[in-house]
Amino acid sequence: MKQFLDFIGKILLVLLLSSFALDFSYSYVYSKSTKRNKIENVINSEAKKYDVIMLGSSRANNHFVPQLFIEKGFKAYNYGMSGARLQESALMLQLIIDKGYRFKNIILEIDLNINSEGHSEGTRARFMPFLKSHATVLNYYKNIVPEFSSLYYMPFYRYIQYDSQIGFREMFFSAIQKTSASILNEGFYALKGEGKNMKYDLTKYAPKKNKDYEFIKDICKTNNINLIVVSTPMCSNVKGIDYFNKIKSIYPEVHNYENSIADDKYFSSCGHMNEAGARLFTTKIIEDFFSTKVE
């Protein structure tokens, strides 16, 4: 019996040491990576200076074209992240500021992401490699993630829990510095094609006060950042389009652009414009808010 217990103990010790070794190895690789996603690009790169940055979900990532700002003399980057909720956008903004980035204007997409204070598991996963090494990530998540203790104290657990996003495949691509499309084109990811039989039902959504959006506003006020809040276009066949008016009744500062692109040929799906639509929409934003360069 004693030999059996010794054998089990040795196995457990090997597993524990292996977990620490794997945790260290994965974390080290991610601490050197800058080319796989926008989060690690901010954390692991040098601070930059911009005239304007964009934040939000895929409806920011696919809709704001920084190159059009650049052509007008503005330094710009799109930090929108597909799938992100306002919780992740707020943390991204905090990381950008803590890194020492200099900028005066933010365009924040507020529309379908304002109806709840939830989070995106896929986007949250991208922050997890930095949970132990970055104080901002640690302090942000320690009181809002139910399984924080397991993620923080159990070696390698966070890489197992979020294997599909930060597991071996992603770690390997990070190790060989394989560039992801998400950081190309100043962060803008263009969609192709024209959607067919497009429709969207907004009646199930109810915009409400959102603590993550309030946090973003507080960050901008504290740091003297000009916050431009916009809703982005939808296709013509939307049920419950008054959802956007309800947003404005709660947050009057939101600029509604849901009907600004009328022709469905500019949409890849009902909620996402193709590249032609994104360029047309971005041109409108520049004309409305950046007709002259803000110093």
Protein backbone atom coordinates (compact mmCIF):
# COMPACT_ATOMS: atom_id res chain seq x y z
CA MET A 1 0.00 0.00 0.00
CA LYS A 2 2.85 2.37 0.88
CA GLN A 3 4.47 1.75 -2.52
CA PHE A 4 1.19 2.51 -4.25
CA LEU A 5 0.78 5.78 -2.35
CA ASP A 6 4.38 6.73 -3.14
CA PHE A 7 3.73 6.02 -6.80
CA ILE A 8 0.58 8.19 -6.79
CA GLY A 9 2.46 10.92 -4.98
CA LYS A 10 5.22 10.93 -7.57
CA ILE A 11 2.70 11.11 -10.39
CA LEU A 12 0.96 14.06 -8.74
CA LEU A 13 4.29 15.79 -8.20
CA VAL A 14 5.26 15.32 -11.84
CA LEU A 15 1.88 16.66 -12.96
CA LEU A 16 2.21 19.68 -10.67
CA LEU A 17 5.72 20.50 -11.84
CA SER A 18 4.66 19.99 -15.46
CA SER A 19 1.76 22.40 -14.95
CA PHE A 20 4.10 25.06 -13.59
CA ALA A 21 6.52 24.50 -16.46
CA LEU A 22 3.79 24.70 -19.10
CA ASP A 23 2.27 27.78 -17.49
CA PHE A 24 5.64 29.51 -17.50
CA SER A 25 6.39 28.51 -21.08
CA TYR A 26 3.04 29.61 -22.50
CA SER A 27 3.10 32.87 -20.56
CA TYR A 28 6.64 33.61 -21.73
CA VAL A 29 5.69 33.10 -25.37
CA TYR A 30 2.67 35.38 -25.05
CA SER A 31 4.75 38.02 -23.26
CA LYS A 32 6.91 38.33 -26.41
CA SER A 33 4.15 38.18 -29.00
CA THR A 34 2.81 41.26 -30.78
CA LYS A 35 1.35 39.93 -34.02
CA ARG A 36 -1.59 37.72 -33.03
CA ASN A 37 -4.20 40.12 -31.61
CA LYS A 38 -4.72 43.72 -30.57
CA ILE A 39 -4.53 43.02 -26.84
CA GLU A 40 -1.02 41.60 -26.86
CA ASN A 41 -0.03 44.18 -29.46
CA VAL A 42 -0.84 46.93 -26.95
CA ILE A 43 0.67 45.20 -23.93
CA ASN A 44 3.92 44.06 -25.58
CA SER A 45 4.62 46.97 -27.96
CA GLU A 46 5.91 50.48 -27.42
CA ALA A 47 3.42 53.26 -26.71
CA LYS A 48 2.13 55.08 -29.78
CA LYS A 49 0.57 58.43 -30.59
CA TYR A 50 -2.72 58.77 -32.49
CA ASP A 51 -5.22 61.46 -33.31
CA VAL A 52 -8.11 59.02 -33.05
CA ILE A 53 -8.68 55.40 -32.07
CA MET A 54 -11.82 53.26 -32.46
CA LEU A 55 -13.26 50.84 -29.92
CA GLY A 56 -16.16 48.40 -29.92
CA SER A 57 -17.24 45.02 -31.24
CA SER A 58 -17.13 43.62 -34.77
CA ARG A 59 -19.45 46.51 -35.69
CA ALA A 60 -16.45 48.75 -35.01
CA ASN A 61 -13.81 46.36 -36.28
CA ASN A 62 -15.58 45.95 -39.65
CA HIS A 63 -16.99 49.47 -40.00
CA PHE A 64 -14.27 52.04 -39.25
CA VAL A 65 -11.52 52.40 -41.89
CA PRO A 66 -8.45 54.10 -40.36
CA GLN A 67 -6.80 54.49 -43.77
CA LEU A 68 -9.42 57.09 -44.70
CA PHE A 69 -8.47 59.09 -41.59
CA ILE A 70 -4.79 58.72 -42.47
CA GLU A 71 -5.46 60.08 -45.96
CA LYS A 72 -6.93 63.18 -44.29
CA GLY A 73 -3.83 63.66 -42.16
CA PHE A 74 -4.97 61.88 -38.97
CA LYS A 75 -3.07 59.11 -37.26
CA ALA A 76 -5.66 56.43 -36.54
CA TYR A 77 -6.06 52.81 -35.45
CA ASN A 78 -9.08 50.55 -35.08
CA TYR A 79 -8.99 48.67 -31.75
CA GLY A 80 -12.44 47.16 -32.24
CA MET A 81 -12.52 43.42 -31.49
CA SER A 82 -14.93 40.94 -33.01
CA GLY A 83 -17.24 39.58 -30.34
CA ALA A 84 -16.16 42.07 -27.68
CA ARG A 85 -18.66 43.49 -25.24
CA LEU A 86 -18.25 46.83 -23.51
CA GLN A 87 -16.60 45.04 -20.58
CA GLU A 88 -13.67 44.07 -22.82
CA SER A 89 -13.62 47.45 -24.59
CA ALA A 90 -13.29 49.20 -21.22
CA LEU A 91 -10.32 47.00 -20.25
CA MET A 92 -8.71 47.55 -23.65
CA LEU A 93 -9.00 51.31 -23.18
CA GLN A 94 -7.47 51.06 -19.71
CA LEU A 95 -4.53 49.05 -21.07
CA ILE A 96 -3.95 51.58 -23.85
CA ILE A 97 -3.87 54.43 -21.36
CA ASP A 98 -1.70 52.58 -18.84
CA LYS A 99 0.78 51.81 -21.61
CA GLY A 100 1.23 55.53 -22.18
CA TYR A 101 -0.47 55.93 -25.54
CA ARG A 102 -1.16 59.53 -26.47
CA PHE A 103 -4.46 60.35 -28.17
CA LYS A 104 -7.28 62.83 -27.83
CA ASN A 105 -10.23 61.25 -29.61
CA ILE A 106 -12.04 57.93 -29.30
CA ILE A 107 -14.85 56.74 -31.54
CA LEU A 108 -16.84 54.21 -29.53
CA GLU A 109 -19.45 51.97 -31.15
CA ILE A 110 -22.53 51.68 -28.95
CA ASP A 111 -25.54 49.77 -30.22
CA LEU A 112 -26.22 46.06 -29.77
CA ASN A 113 -23.56 45.89 -27.04
CA ILE A 114 -25.40 48.29 -24.69
CA ASN A 115 -28.34 46.02 -23.89
CA SER A 116 -26.51 43.95 -21.26
CA GLU A 117 -23.46 44.01 -19.00
CA GLY A 118 -22.28 40.59 -20.09
CA HIS A 119 -18.91 39.58 -21.42
CA SER A 120 -17.44 37.72 -24.37
CA GLU A 121 -15.72 34.48 -23.37
CA GLY A 122 -13.70 34.45 -26.58
CA THR A 123 -12.44 38.00 -26.11
CA ARG A 124 -11.86 37.59 -22.37
CA ALA A 125 -9.65 34.60 -23.17
CA ARG A 126 -7.20 36.86 -25.03
CA PHE A 127 -6.50 38.74 -21.78
CA MET A 128 -5.86 35.59 -19.74
CA PRO A 129 -2.15 35.09 -20.60
CA PHE A 130 -1.53 38.42 -18.82
CA LEU A 131 -3.62 37.71 -15.73
CA LYS A 132 -0.58 37.10 -13.53
CA SER A 133 1.89 39.45 -15.18
CA HIS A 134 -0.16 42.59 -15.76
CA ALA A 135 -1.63 44.47 -12.81
CA THR A 136 -4.35 46.15 -14.85
CA VAL A 137 -5.71 42.82 -16.10
CA LEU A 138 -5.45 41.29 -12.62
CA ASN A 139 -7.23 44.15 -10.86
CA TYR A 140 -9.92 44.35 -13.52
CA TYR A 141 -10.91 40.71 -13.38
CA LYS A 142 -10.32 39.70 -9.77
CA ASN A 143 -13.73 40.91 -8.61
CA ILE A 144 -15.86 40.10 -11.65
CA VAL A 145 -14.75 36.61 -12.75
CA PRO A 146 -16.44 33.90 -10.62
CA GLU A 147 -13.62 31.40 -11.09
CA PHE A 148 -10.86 33.94 -10.63
CA SER A 149 -9.10 31.96 -7.89
CA SER A 150 -8.83 28.87 -10.09
CA LEU A 151 -7.61 30.87 -13.08
CA TYR A 152 -5.04 32.75 -11.02
CA TYR A 153 -3.73 30.19 -8.56
CA MET A 154 -3.95 26.88 -10.43
CA PRO A 155 -0.95 26.58 -12.76
CA PHE A 156 -1.86 26.22 -16.44
CA TYR A 157 -5.60 26.10 -15.64
CA ARG A 158 -6.42 29.24 -17.64
CA TYR A 159 -4.76 27.77 -20.73
CA ILE A 160 -6.82 24.60 -20.36
CA GLN A 161 -10.03 26.53 -19.70
CA TYR A 162 -9.56 28.71 -22.78
CA ASP A 163 -7.77 26.14 -24.93
CA SER A 164 -9.56 27.07 -28.17
CA GLN A 165 -8.33 30.68 -27.92
CA ILE A 166 -4.97 30.49 -26.13
CA GLY A 167 -4.08 26.79 -26.22
CA PHE A 168 -1.26 25.04 -28.04
CA ARG A 169 -2.20 26.11 -31.57
CA GLU A 170 -2.35 29.80 -30.71
CA MET A 171 0.77 29.56 -28.54
CA PHE A 172 2.65 27.96 -31.44
CA PHE A 173 1.59 30.69 -33.87
CA SER A 174 2.65 33.29 -31.30
CA ALA A 175 6.01 31.58 -30.86
CA ILE A 176 6.78 31.72 -34.58
CA GLN A 177 5.41 35.29 -34.78
CA LYS A 178 2.79 34.43 -37.40
CA THR A 179 0.88 37.62 -38.18
CA SER A 180 -2.87 37.59 -37.71
CA ALA A 181 -5.16 39.54 -40.04
CA SER A 182 -6.68 41.24 -36.98
CA ILE A 183 -3.76 43.67 -36.62
CA LEU A 184 -3.27 44.46 -40.32
CA ASN A 185 -4.75 47.49 -42.12
CA GLU A 186 -4.51 49.58 -38.94
CA GLY A 187 -6.87 47.15 -37.23
CA PHE A 188 -9.67 47.30 -39.81
CA TYR A 189 -11.01 43.96 -41.00
CA ALA A 190 -12.94 44.27 -44.26
CA LEU A 191 -15.91 42.04 -45.06
CA LYS A 192 -16.63 41.05 -48.64
CA GLY A 193 -19.74 40.33 -50.69
CA GLU A 194 -23.38 41.38 -50.52
CA GLY A 195 -25.82 39.71 -48.15
CA LYS A 196 -28.98 38.02 -49.43
CA ASN A 197 -32.43 37.97 -47.80
CA MET A 198 -31.11 40.00 -44.92
CA LYS A 199 -33.19 40.75 -41.85
CA TYR A 200 -32.69 41.40 -38.15
CA ASP A 201 -35.01 41.36 -35.14
CA LEU A 202 -34.19 43.91 -32.44
CA THR A 203 -37.44 43.51 -30.51
CA LYS A 204 -35.79 41.10 -28.07
CA TYR A 205 -33.23 43.72 -27.06
CA ALA A 206 -33.79 46.45 -24.47
CA PRO A 207 -31.06 49.08 -24.02
CA LYS A 208 -30.37 50.08 -20.45
CA LYS A 209 -27.85 51.89 -18.29
CA ASN A 210 -24.56 50.08 -18.63
CA LYS A 211 -21.82 50.20 -15.96
CA ASP A 212 -19.09 49.30 -18.46
CA TYR A 213 -20.04 52.19 -20.71
CA GLU A 214 -20.16 54.46 -17.65
CA PHE A 215 -16.64 53.29 -16.78
CA ILE A 216 -15.44 54.17 -20.29
CA LYS A 217 -16.96 57.63 -19.93
CA ASP A 218 -15.24 58.10 -16.57
CA ILE A 219 -11.88 57.04 -18.02
CA CYS A 220 -12.23 59.54 -20.86
CA LYS A 221 -13.28 62.35 -18.51
CA THR A 222 -10.36 61.67 -16.15
CA ASN A 223 -7.87 61.63 -19.02
CA ASN A 224 -9.34 64.56 -20.96
CA ILE A 225 -10.20 62.40 -23.98
CA ASN A 226 -12.86 63.46 -26.45
CA LEU A 227 -15.36 60.57 -26.59
CA ILE A 228 -17.47 60.29 -29.76
CA VAL A 229 -20.19 57.67 -29.31
CA VAL A 230 -22.01 56.35 -32.37
CA SER A 231 -24.36 53.60 -33.40
CA THR A 232 -23.45 52.00 -36.73
CA PRO A 233 -25.63 51.12 -39.75
CA MET A 234 -28.04 48.22 -40.13
CA CYS A 235 -29.62 46.85 -43.30
CA SER A 236 -33.07 48.06 -44.39
CA ASN A 237 -35.07 45.07 -43.11
CA VAL A 238 -34.84 45.52 -39.34
CA LYS A 239 -37.70 44.82 -36.98
CA GLY A 240 -37.72 47.05 -33.92
CA ILE A 241 -35.47 49.75 -35.35
CA ASP A 242 -36.74 52.13 -32.64
CA TYR A 243 -34.25 50.31 -30.40
CA PHE A 244 -31.75 52.99 -31.41
CA ASN A 245 -34.06 55.80 -30.33
CA LYS A 246 -34.37 54.07 -26.96
CA ILE A 247 -30.58 54.13 -26.65
CA LYS A 248 -30.58 57.87 -27.28
CA SER A 249 -33.33 58.40 -24.70
CA ILE A 250 -31.01 56.83 -22.10
CA TYR A 251 -27.77 58.27 -23.44
CA PRO A 252 -28.47 61.49 -25.42
CA GLU A 253 -24.80 61.80 -26.36
CA VAL A 254 -25.03 58.81 -28.72
CA HIS A 255 -25.05 59.77 -32.41
CA ASN A 256 -27.39 57.46 -34.30
CA TYR A 257 -26.21 56.27 -37.71
CA GLU A 258 -28.30 53.12 -38.00
CA ASN A 259 -30.10 54.45 -41.10
CA SER A 260 -27.19 56.37 -42.61
CA ILE A 261 -26.39 53.73 -45.27
CA ALA A 262 -29.64 53.00 -47.09
CA ASP A 263 -28.69 50.59 -49.87
CA ASP A 264 -28.35 46.92 -48.92
CA LYS A 265 -25.61 46.45 -51.51
CA TYR A 266 -23.28 47.92 -48.90
CA PHE A 267 -23.95 45.11 -46.41
CA SER A 268 -22.31 41.72 -46.04
CA SER A 269 -24.98 40.76 -43.49
CA CYS A 270 -27.76 42.77 -41.92
CA GLY A 271 -25.59 43.85 -39.02
CA HIS A 272 -22.27 44.23 -40.82
CA MET A 273 -21.31 46.32 -43.82
CA ASN A 274 -18.94 45.15 -46.50
CA GLU A 275 -15.81 47.13 -47.31
CA ALA A 276 -17.62 49.53 -49.66
CA GLY A 277 -20.20 50.27 -46.97
CA ALA A 278 -17.52 50.71 -44.31
CA ARG A 279 -15.70 53.22 -46.49
CA LEU A 280 -18.88 55.16 -47.14
CA PHE A 281 -19.78 55.19 -43.45
CA THR A 282 -16.28 56.18 -42.34
CA THR A 283 -16.35 59.06 -44.80
CA LYS A 284 -19.56 60.30 -43.14
CA ILE A 285 -17.93 60.08 -39.70
CA ILE A 286 -14.91 62.07 -40.87
CA GLU A 287 -17.13 64.71 -42.44
CA ASP A 288 -19.27 65.04 -39.32
CA PHE A 289 -16.57 65.06 -36.64
CA PHE A 290 -13.17 65.62 -38.26
CA SER A 291 -13.66 68.19 -40.98
CA THR A 292 -10.56 69.93 -39.66
CA LYS A 293 -7.67 68.30 -37.91
CA VAL A 294 -7.89 68.42 -34.14
CA GLU A 295 -4.51 69.20 -32.60
